[in-house]
Amino acid sequence: MNLNKRQQYLDLGNQLANKHLHLNFDNHCYWRIALDNTLFAPWKSVVPAPAYRNITEDQLDYVIHLLKSYLDDEQLLLEHNRISLAYRGKK
């Protein structure tokens, strides 16, 4: 895996936690949301942890794309969170 992509993935989760303080999500919540919406299922049911090391390069690229999108599109983030929770039977 490209170490730059791995760092970008990690950094974006942390940036999002700082950007959307009012949502009270931890960094791992953003990774869960993006991973579930990339894999169309609870990510742990598809790949072993840590996910960023066990998904394909294309999947990682898409996860990074989603994380970047969440920085500026809170509506997309909230919709993807609802989808992620539905995959997990939580809403």
PDB file of N, CA and C in Angstrom:
ATOM      1  N   MET A   1       0.836  -1.182   0.000  1.00  0.00           N
ATOM      2  CA  MET A   1       0.000   0.000   0.000  1.00  0.00           C
ATOM      3  C   MET A   1       0.878   1.242   0.000  1.00  0.00           C
ATOM      4  N   ASN A   2       0.399   2.222  -0.654  1.00  0.00           N
ATOM      5  CA  ASN A   2       1.064   3.509  -0.704  1.00  0.00           C
ATOM      6  C   ASN A   2       0.999   4.158   0.688  1.00  0.00           C
ATOM      7  N   LEU A   3       2.159   4.421   1.282  1.00  0.00           N
ATOM      8  CA  LEU A   3       2.196   5.003   2.626  1.00  0.00           C
ATOM      9  C   LEU A   3       1.569   6.384   2.671  1.00  0.00           C
ATOM     10  N   ASN A   4       1.674   7.124   1.571  1.00  0.00           N
ATOM     11  CA  ASN A   4       1.045   8.434   1.512  1.00  0.00           C
ATOM     12  C   ASN A   4      -0.471   8.311   1.633  1.00  0.00           C
ATOM     13  N   LYS A   5      -1.057   7.324   0.972  1.00  0.00           N
ATOM     14  CA  LYS A   5      -2.503   7.112   1.056  1.00  0.00           C
ATOM     15  C   LYS A   5      -2.906   6.699   2.468  1.00  0.00           C
ATOM     16  N   ARG A   6      -2.103   5.848   3.075  1.00  0.00           N
ATOM     17  CA  ARG A   6      -2.387   5.421   4.447  1.00  0.00           C
ATOM     18  C   ARG A   6      -2.389   6.634   5.375  1.00  0.00           C
ATOM     19  N   GLN A   7      -1.396   7.489   5.233  1.00  0.00           N
ATOM     20  CA  GLN A   7      -1.313   8.684   6.069  1.00  0.00           C
ATOM     21  C   GLN A   7      -2.466   9.626   5.784  1.00  0.00           C
ATOM     22  N   GLN A   8      -2.822   9.765   4.524  1.00  0.00           N
ATOM     23  CA  GLN A   8      -3.941  10.617   4.139  1.00  0.00           C
ATOM     24  C   GLN A   8      -5.234  10.114   4.776  1.00  0.00           C
ATOM     25  N   TYR A   9      -5.457   8.806   4.729  1.00  0.00           N
ATOM     26  CA  TYR A   9      -6.630   8.172   5.340  1.00  0.00           C
ATOM     27  C   TYR A   9      -6.681   8.501   6.831  1.00  0.00           C
ATOM     28  N   LEU A  10      -5.574   8.307   7.512  1.00  0.00           N
ATOM     29  CA  LEU A  10      -5.517   8.560   8.951  1.00  0.00           C
ATOM     30  C   LEU A  10      -5.715  10.045   9.255  1.00  0.00           C
ATOM     31  N   ASP A  11      -5.038  10.906   8.504  1.00  0.00           N
ATOM     32  CA  ASP A  11      -5.137  12.347   8.728  1.00  0.00           C
ATOM     33  C   ASP A  11      -6.562  12.858   8.505  1.00  0.00           C
ATOM     34  N   LEU A  12      -7.227  12.359   7.481  1.00  0.00           N
ATOM     35  CA  LEU A  12      -8.578  12.833   7.186  1.00  0.00           C
ATOM     36  C   LEU A  12      -9.552  12.488   8.310  1.00  0.00           C
ATOM     37  N   GLY A  13      -9.442  11.309   8.883  1.00  0.00           N
ATOM     38  CA  GLY A  13     -10.305  10.960  10.015  1.00  0.00           C
ATOM     39  C   GLY A  13     -10.113  11.923  11.171  1.00  0.00           C
ATOM     40  N   ASN A  14      -8.876  12.280  11.421  1.00  0.00           N
ATOM     41  CA  ASN A  14      -8.588  13.224  12.503  1.00  0.00           C
ATOM     42  C   ASN A  14      -9.053  14.638  12.165  1.00  0.00           C
ATOM     43  N   GLN A  15      -8.874  15.052  10.918  1.00  0.00           N
ATOM     44  CA  GLN A  15      -9.341  16.375  10.486  1.00  0.00           C
ATOM     45  C   GLN A  15     -10.853  16.490  10.624  1.00  0.00           C
ATOM     46  N   LEU A  16     -11.554  15.438  10.232  1.00  0.00           N
ATOM     47  CA  LEU A  16     -13.016  15.459  10.300  1.00  0.00           C
ATOM     48  C   LEU A  16     -13.500  15.556  11.739  1.00  0.00           C
ATOM     49  N   ALA A  17     -12.853  14.849  12.643  1.00  0.00           N
ATOM     50  CA  ALA A  17     -13.248  14.915  14.055  1.00  0.00           C
ATOM     51  C   ALA A  17     -13.091  16.335  14.588  1.00  0.00           C
ATOM     52  N   ASN A  18     -12.095  17.057  14.109  1.00  0.00           N
ATOM     53  CA  ASN A  18     -11.877  18.442  14.532  1.00  0.00           C
ATOM     54  C   ASN A  18     -12.792  19.426  13.802  1.00  0.00           C
ATOM     55  N   LYS A  19     -13.150  19.108  12.577  1.00  0.00           N
ATOM     56  CA  LYS A  19     -13.988  20.018  11.780  1.00  0.00           C
ATOM     57  C   LYS A  19     -15.445  19.981  12.226  1.00  0.00           C
ATOM     58  N   HIS A  20     -15.969  18.810  12.497  1.00  0.00           N
ATOM     59  CA  HIS A  20     -17.390  18.642  12.813  1.00  0.00           C
ATOM     60  C   HIS A  20     -17.575  18.356  14.306  1.00  0.00           C
ATOM     61  N   LEU A  21     -17.042  19.233  15.137  1.00  0.00           N
ATOM     62  CA  LEU A  21     -17.110  19.035  16.590  1.00  0.00           C
ATOM     63  C   LEU A  21     -18.550  18.885  17.086  1.00  0.00           C
ATOM     64  N   HIS A  22     -19.468  19.596  16.461  1.00  0.00           N
ATOM     65  CA  HIS A  22     -20.872  19.573  16.889  1.00  0.00           C
ATOM     66  C   HIS A  22     -21.530  18.204  16.687  1.00  0.00           C
ATOM     67  N   LEU A  23     -20.942  17.358  15.852  1.00  0.00           N
ATOM     68  CA  LEU A  23     -21.513  16.028  15.626  1.00  0.00           C
ATOM     69  C   LEU A  23     -21.098  15.030  16.704  1.00  0.00           C
ATOM     70  N   ASN A  24     -20.053  15.357  17.432  1.00  0.00           N
ATOM     71  CA  ASN A  24     -19.570  14.500  18.507  1.00  0.00           C
ATOM     72  C   ASN A  24     -19.201  13.098  18.004  1.00  0.00           C
ATOM     73  N   PHE A  25     -18.614  13.021  16.806  1.00  0.00           N
ATOM     74  CA  PHE A  25     -18.104  11.763  16.257  1.00  0.00           C
ATOM     75  C   PHE A  25     -16.609  11.699  16.540  1.00  0.00           C
ATOM     76  N   ASP A  26     -16.129  10.525  16.889  1.00  0.00           N
ATOM     77  CA  ASP A  26     -14.689  10.309  16.986  1.00  0.00           C
ATOM     78  C   ASP A  26     -14.149  10.013  15.594  1.00  0.00           C
ATOM     79  N   ASN A  27     -12.819  10.053  15.445  1.00  0.00           N
ATOM     80  CA  ASN A  27     -12.225   9.817  14.127  1.00  0.00           C
ATOM     81  C   ASN A  27     -12.630   8.469  13.546  1.00  0.00           C
ATOM     82  N   HIS A  28     -12.747   7.452  14.372  1.00  0.00           N
ATOM     83  CA  HIS A  28     -13.103   6.123  13.855  1.00  0.00           C
ATOM     84  C   HIS A  28     -14.516   6.087  13.283  1.00  0.00           C
ATOM     85  N   CYS A  29     -15.372   6.990  13.702  1.00  0.00           N
ATOM     86  CA  CYS A  29     -16.724   7.052  13.140  1.00  0.00           C
ATOM     87  C   CYS A  29     -16.683   7.427  11.661  1.00  0.00           C
ATOM     88  N   TYR A  30     -15.820   8.371  11.326  1.00  0.00           N
ATOM     89  CA  TYR A  30     -15.702   8.787   9.930  1.00  0.00           C
ATOM     90  C   TYR A  30     -15.141   7.657   9.074  1.00  0.00           C
ATOM     91  N   TRP A  31     -14.171   6.944   9.602  1.00  0.00           N
ATOM     92  CA  TRP A  31     -13.631   5.805   8.862  1.00  0.00           C
ATOM     93  C   TRP A  31     -14.708   4.741   8.682  1.00  0.00           C
ATOM     94  N   ARG A  32     -15.496   4.466   9.722  1.00  0.00           N
ATOM     95  CA  ARG A  32     -16.587   3.481   9.626  1.00  0.00           C
ATOM     96  C   ARG A  32     -17.560   3.888   8.537  1.00  0.00           C
ATOM     97  N   ILE A  33     -17.965   5.144   8.554  1.00  0.00           N
ATOM     98  CA  ILE A  33     -18.954   5.631   7.591  1.00  0.00           C
ATOM     99  C   ILE A  33     -18.438   5.477   6.166  1.00  0.00           C
ATOM    100  N   ALA A  34     -17.223   5.936   5.912  1.00  0.00           N
ATOM    101  CA  ALA A  34     -16.662   5.862   4.556  1.00  0.00           C
ATOM    102  C   ALA A  34     -16.427   4.418   4.133  1.00  0.00           C
ATOM    103  N   LEU A  35     -15.915   3.596   5.038  1.00  0.00           N
ATOM    104  CA  LEU A  35     -15.663   2.190   4.695  1.00  0.00           C
ATOM    105  C   LEU A  35     -16.963   1.447   4.410  1.00  0.00           C
ATOM    106  N   ASP A  36     -17.960   1.610   5.274  1.00  0.00           N
ATOM    107  CA  ASP A  36     -19.237   0.924   5.053  1.00  0.00           C
ATOM    108  C   ASP A  36     -19.864   1.345   3.730  1.00  0.00           C
ATOM    109  N   ASN A  37     -19.757   2.623   3.387  1.00  0.00           N
ATOM    110  CA  ASN A  37     -20.362   3.109   2.148  1.00  0.00           C
ATOM    111  C   ASN A  37     -19.541   2.748   0.916  1.00  0.00           C
ATOM    112  N   THR A  38     -18.314   2.368   1.111  1.00  0.00           N
ATOM    113  CA  THR A  38     -17.492   1.872   0.010  1.00  0.00           C
ATOM    114  C   THR A  38     -17.735   0.387  -0.217  1.00  0.00           C
ATOM    115  N   LEU A  39     -17.892  -0.357   0.869  1.00  0.00           N
ATOM    116  CA  LEU A  39     -18.025  -1.813   0.798  1.00  0.00           C
ATOM    117  C   LEU A  39     -19.480  -2.283   0.807  1.00  0.00           C
ATOM    118  N   PHE A  40     -20.432  -1.351   0.995  1.00  0.00           N
ATOM    119  CA  PHE A  40     -21.874  -1.639   0.986  1.00  0.00           C
ATOM    120  C   PHE A  40     -22.267  -2.670   2.037  1.00  0.00           C
ATOM    121  N   ALA A  41     -21.590  -2.601   3.179  1.00  0.00           N
ATOM    122  CA  ALA A  41     -21.838  -3.528   4.290  1.00  0.00           C
ATOM    123  C   ALA A  41     -21.003  -3.052   5.471  1.00  0.00           C
ATOM    124  N   PRO A  42     -21.284  -3.573   6.667  1.00  0.00           N
ATOM    125  CA  PRO A  42     -20.368  -3.277   7.765  1.00  0.00           C
ATOM    126  C   PRO A  42     -18.981  -3.777   7.377  1.00  0.00           C
ATOM    127  N   TRP A  43     -18.021  -2.890   7.364  1.00  0.00           N
ATOM    128  CA  TRP A  43     -16.718  -3.228   6.773  1.00  0.00           C
ATOM    129  C   TRP A  43     -16.093  -4.459   7.404  1.00  0.00           C
ATOM    130  N   LYS A  44     -16.287  -4.668   8.701  1.00  0.00           N
ATOM    131  CA  LYS A  44     -15.664  -5.824   9.355  1.00  0.00           C
ATOM    132  C   LYS A  44     -16.242  -7.154   8.869  1.00  0.00           C
ATOM    133  N   SER A  45     -17.402  -7.109   8.223  1.00  0.00           N
ATOM    134  CA  SER A  45     -17.967  -8.337   7.665  1.00  0.00           C
ATOM    135  C   SER A  45     -17.365  -8.652   6.294  1.00  0.00           C
ATOM    136  N   VAL A  46     -16.576  -7.713   5.764  1.00  0.00           N
ATOM    137  CA  VAL A  46     -15.997  -7.866   4.425  1.00  0.00           C
ATOM    138  C   VAL A  46     -14.482  -8.063   4.476  1.00  0.00           C
ATOM    139  N   VAL A  47     -13.817  -7.301   5.322  1.00  0.00           N
ATOM    140  CA  VAL A  47     -12.350  -7.360   5.416  1.00  0.00           C
ATOM    141  C   VAL A  47     -11.923  -7.368   6.879  1.00  0.00           C
ATOM    142  N   PRO A  48     -10.783  -7.985   7.169  1.00  0.00           N
ATOM    143  CA  PRO A  48     -10.275  -7.938   8.543  1.00  0.00           C
ATOM    144  C   PRO A  48      -9.667  -6.570   8.860  1.00  0.00           C
ATOM    145  N   ALA A  49      -9.576  -6.296  10.139  1.00  0.00           N
ATOM    146  CA  ALA A  49      -8.943  -5.055  10.596  1.00  0.00           C
ATOM    147  C   ALA A  49      -7.426  -5.186  10.500  1.00  0.00           C
ATOM    148  N   PRO A  50      -6.730  -4.103  10.279  1.00  0.00           N
ATOM    149  CA  PRO A  50      -7.254  -2.771   9.978  1.00  0.00           C
ATOM    150  C   PRO A  50      -7.676  -2.687   8.515  1.00  0.00           C
ATOM    151  N   ALA A  51      -8.811  -2.100   8.309  1.00  0.00           N
ATOM    152  CA  ALA A  51      -9.410  -2.068   6.966  1.00  0.00           C
ATOM    153  C   ALA A  51      -8.509  -1.419   5.936  1.00  0.00           C
ATOM    154  N   TYR A  52      -7.856  -0.315   6.299  1.00  0.00           N
ATOM    155  CA  TYR A  52      -7.062   0.407   5.300  1.00  0.00           C
ATOM    156  C   TYR A  52      -5.901  -0.429   4.774  1.00  0.00           C
ATOM    157  N   ARG A  53      -5.537  -1.479   5.482  1.00  0.00           N
ATOM    158  CA  ARG A  53      -4.477  -2.373   4.991  1.00  0.00           C
ATOM    159  C   ARG A  53      -5.033  -3.562   4.212  1.00  0.00           C
ATOM    160  N   ASN A  54      -6.331  -3.791   4.288  1.00  0.00           N
ATOM    161  CA  ASN A  54      -6.918  -4.996   3.717  1.00  0.00           C
ATOM    162  C   ASN A  54      -7.932  -4.751   2.614  1.00  0.00           C
ATOM    163  N   ILE A  55      -8.114  -3.492   2.229  1.00  0.00           N
ATOM    164  CA  ILE A  55      -8.967  -3.200   1.081  1.00  0.00           C
ATOM    165  C   ILE A  55      -8.075  -2.980  -0.139  1.00  0.00           C
ATOM    166  N   THR A  56      -8.684  -3.008  -1.305  1.00  0.00           N
ATOM    167  CA  THR A  56      -7.916  -2.800  -2.539  1.00  0.00           C
ATOM    168  C   THR A  56      -7.507  -1.338  -2.652  1.00  0.00           C
ATOM    169  N   GLU A  57      -6.556  -1.077  -3.525  1.00  0.00           N
ATOM    170  CA  GLU A  57      -6.131   0.306  -3.782  1.00  0.00           C
ATOM    171  C   GLU A  57      -7.308   1.154  -4.266  1.00  0.00           C
ATOM    172  N   ASP A  58      -8.129   0.588  -5.154  1.00  0.00           N
ATOM    173  CA  ASP A  58      -9.289   1.327  -5.656  1.00  0.00           C
ATOM    174  C   ASP A  58     -10.262   1.648  -4.527  1.00  0.00           C
ATOM    175  N   GLN A  59     -10.479   0.684  -3.646  1.00  0.00           N
ATOM    176  CA  GLN A  59     -11.365   0.929  -2.507  1.00  0.00           C
ATOM    177  C   GLN A  59     -10.782   1.998  -1.590  1.00  0.00           C
ATOM    178  N   LEU A  60      -9.499   1.932  -1.339  1.00  0.00           N
ATOM    179  CA  LEU A  60      -8.853   2.941  -0.497  1.00  0.00           C
ATOM    180  C   LEU A  60      -8.972   4.319  -1.142  1.00  0.00           C
ATOM    181  N   ASP A  61      -8.772   4.392  -2.445  1.00  0.00           N
ATOM    182  CA  ASP A  61      -8.926   5.667  -3.154  1.00  0.00           C
ATOM    183  C   ASP A  61     -10.341   6.224  -2.959  1.00  0.00           C
ATOM    184  N   TYR A  62     -11.337   5.345  -3.035  1.00  0.00           N
ATOM    185  CA  TYR A  62     -12.719   5.801  -2.883  1.00  0.00           C
ATOM    186  C   TYR A  62     -13.008   6.227  -1.446  1.00  0.00           C
ATOM    187  N   VAL A  63     -12.482   5.492  -0.477  1.00  0.00           N
ATOM    188  CA  VAL A  63     -12.645   5.878   0.931  1.00  0.00           C
ATOM    189  C   VAL A  63     -12.042   7.264   1.154  1.00  0.00           C
ATOM    190  N   ILE A  64     -10.853   7.498   0.631  1.00  0.00           N
ATOM    191  CA  ILE A  64     -10.207   8.805   0.765  1.00  0.00           C
ATOM    192  C   ILE A  64     -11.052   9.882   0.086  1.00  0.00           C
ATOM    193  N   HIS A  65     -11.592   9.573  -1.084  1.00  0.00           N
ATOM    194  CA  HIS A  65     -12.483  10.514  -1.778  1.00  0.00           C
ATOM    195  C   HIS A  65     -13.688  10.871  -0.894  1.00  0.00           C
ATOM    196  N   LEU A  66     -14.302   9.860  -0.280  1.00  0.00           N
ATOM    197  CA  LEU A  66     -15.452  10.130   0.587  1.00  0.00           C
ATOM    198  C   LEU A  66     -15.047  10.964   1.795  1.00  0.00           C
ATOM    199  N   LEU A  67     -13.945  10.612   2.435  1.00  0.00           N
ATOM    200  CA  LEU A  67     -13.493  11.380   3.596  1.00  0.00           C
ATOM    201  C   LEU A  67     -13.253  12.843   3.228  1.00  0.00           C
ATOM    202  N   LYS A  68     -12.658  13.080   2.070  1.00  0.00           N
ATOM    203  CA  LYS A  68     -12.452  14.459   1.611  1.00  0.00           C
ATOM    204  C   LYS A  68     -13.794  15.147   1.380  1.00  0.00           C
ATOM    205  N   SER A  69     -14.739  14.426   0.804  1.00  0.00           N
ATOM    206  CA  SER A  69     -16.062  14.997   0.544  1.00  0.00           C
ATOM    207  C   SER A  69     -16.753  15.392   1.838  1.00  0.00           C
ATOM    208  N   TYR A  70     -16.567  14.600   2.885  1.00  0.00           N
ATOM    209  CA  TYR A  70     -17.217  14.879   4.167  1.00  0.00           C
ATOM    210  C   TYR A  70     -16.707  16.170   4.800  1.00  0.00           C
ATOM    211  N   LEU A  71     -15.519  16.608   4.426  1.00  0.00           N
ATOM    212  CA  LEU A  71     -14.996  17.865   4.967  1.00  0.00           C
ATOM    213  C   LEU A  71     -15.903  19.037   4.603  1.00  0.00           C
ATOM    214  N   ASP A  72     -16.460  19.015   3.394  1.00  0.00           N
ATOM    215  CA  ASP A  72     -17.252  20.144   2.906  1.00  0.00           C
ATOM    216  C   ASP A  72     -18.734  19.846   2.728  1.00  0.00           C
ATOM    217  N   ASP A  73     -19.115  18.590   2.808  1.00  0.00           N
ATOM    218  CA  ASP A  73     -20.510  18.216   2.538  1.00  0.00           C
ATOM    219  C   ASP A  73     -21.074  17.447   3.734  1.00  0.00           C
ATOM    220  N   GLU A  74     -21.531  18.212   4.713  1.00  0.00           N
ATOM    221  CA  GLU A  74     -22.063  17.585   5.927  1.00  0.00           C
ATOM    222  C   GLU A  74     -23.325  16.782   5.643  1.00  0.00           C
ATOM    223  N   GLN A  75     -24.116  17.200   4.682  1.00  0.00           N
ATOM    224  CA  GLN A  75     -25.337  16.448   4.337  1.00  0.00           C
ATOM    225  C   GLN A  75     -24.986  15.057   3.816  1.00  0.00           C
ATOM    226  N   LEU A  76     -23.969  14.975   2.976  1.00  0.00           N
ATOM    227  CA  LEU A  76     -23.519  13.672   2.482  1.00  0.00           C
ATOM    228  C   LEU A  76     -23.022  12.820   3.651  1.00  0.00           C
ATOM    229  N   LEU A  77     -22.255  13.421   4.535  1.00  0.00           N
ATOM    230  CA  LEU A  77     -21.762  12.716   5.707  1.00  0.00           C
ATOM    231  C   LEU A  77     -22.913  12.147   6.528  1.00  0.00           C
ATOM    232  N   LEU A  78     -23.912  12.969   6.798  1.00  0.00           N
ATOM    233  CA  LEU A  78     -25.036  12.515   7.613  1.00  0.00           C
ATOM    234  C   LEU A  78     -25.841  11.425   6.906  1.00  0.00           C
ATOM    235  N   GLU A  79     -26.013  11.559   5.599  1.00  0.00           N
ATOM    236  CA  GLU A  79     -26.725  10.520   4.836  1.00  0.00           C
ATOM    237  C   GLU A  79     -25.931   9.214   4.861  1.00  0.00           C
ATOM    238  N   HIS A  80     -24.635   9.296   4.657  1.00  0.00           N
ATOM    239  CA  HIS A  80     -23.806   8.093   4.691  1.00  0.00           C
ATOM    240  C   HIS A  80     -23.773   7.476   6.091  1.00  0.00           C
ATOM    241  N   ASN A  81     -23.845   8.311   7.125  1.00  0.00           N
ATOM    242  CA  ASN A  81     -23.923   7.772   8.480  1.00  0.00           C
ATOM    243  C   ASN A  81     -25.223   6.982   8.660  1.00  0.00           C
ATOM    244  N   ARG A  82     -26.327   7.515   8.164  1.00  0.00           N
ATOM    245  CA  ARG A  82     -27.609   6.789   8.252  1.00  0.00           C
ATOM    246  C   ARG A  82     -27.525   5.447   7.521  1.00  0.00           C
ATOM    247  N   ILE A  83     -26.905   5.449   6.352  1.00  0.00           N
ATOM    248  CA  ILE A  83     -26.755   4.208   5.588  1.00  0.00           C
ATOM    249  C   ILE A  83     -25.887   3.217   6.364  1.00  0.00           C
ATOM    250  N   SER A  84     -24.788   3.698   6.898  1.00  0.00           N
ATOM    251  CA  SER A  84     -23.881   2.843   7.667  1.00  0.00           C
ATOM    252  C   SER A  84     -24.596   2.234   8.864  1.00  0.00           C
ATOM    253  N   LEU A  85     -25.357   3.049   9.587  1.00  0.00           N
ATOM    254  CA  LEU A  85     -26.083   2.534  10.746  1.00  0.00           C
ATOM    255  C   LEU A  85     -27.150   1.525  10.325  1.00  0.00           C
ATOM    256  N   ALA A  86     -27.777   1.754   9.174  1.00  0.00           N
ATOM    257  CA  ALA A  86     -28.770   0.801   8.669  1.00  0.00           C
ATOM    258  C   ALA A  86     -28.102  -0.543   8.340  1.00  0.00           C
ATOM    259  N   TYR A  87     -26.926  -0.502   7.718  1.00  0.00           N
ATOM    260  CA  TYR A  87     -26.190  -1.741   7.448  1.00  0.00           C
ATOM    261  C   TYR A  87     -25.958  -2.507   8.737  1.00  0.00           C
ATOM    262  N   ARG A  88     -25.802  -1.788   9.826  1.00  0.00           N
ATOM    263  CA  ARG A  88     -25.469  -2.385  11.122  1.00  0.00           C
ATOM    264  C   ARG A  88     -26.721  -2.656  11.963  1.00  0.00           C
ATOM    265  N   GLY A  89     -27.896  -2.401  11.386  1.00  0.00           N
ATOM    266  CA  GLY A  89     -29.146  -2.656  12.097  1.00  0.00           C
ATOM    267  C   GLY A  89     -29.396  -1.693  13.243  1.00  0.00           C
ATOM    268  N   LYS A  90     -28.825  -0.505  13.165  1.00  0.00           N
ATOM    269  CA  LYS A  90     -28.946   0.451  14.275  1.00  0.00           C
ATOM    270  C   LYS A  90     -29.943   1.559  14.011  1.00  0.00           C
ATOM    271  N   LYS A  91     -30.489   1.667  12.818  1.00  0.00           N
ATOM    272  CA  LYS A  91     -31.521   2.674  12.539  1.00  0.00           C
ATOM    273  C   LYS A  91     -32.343   2.237  11.376  1.00  0.00           C
TER     274      LYS A  91
END
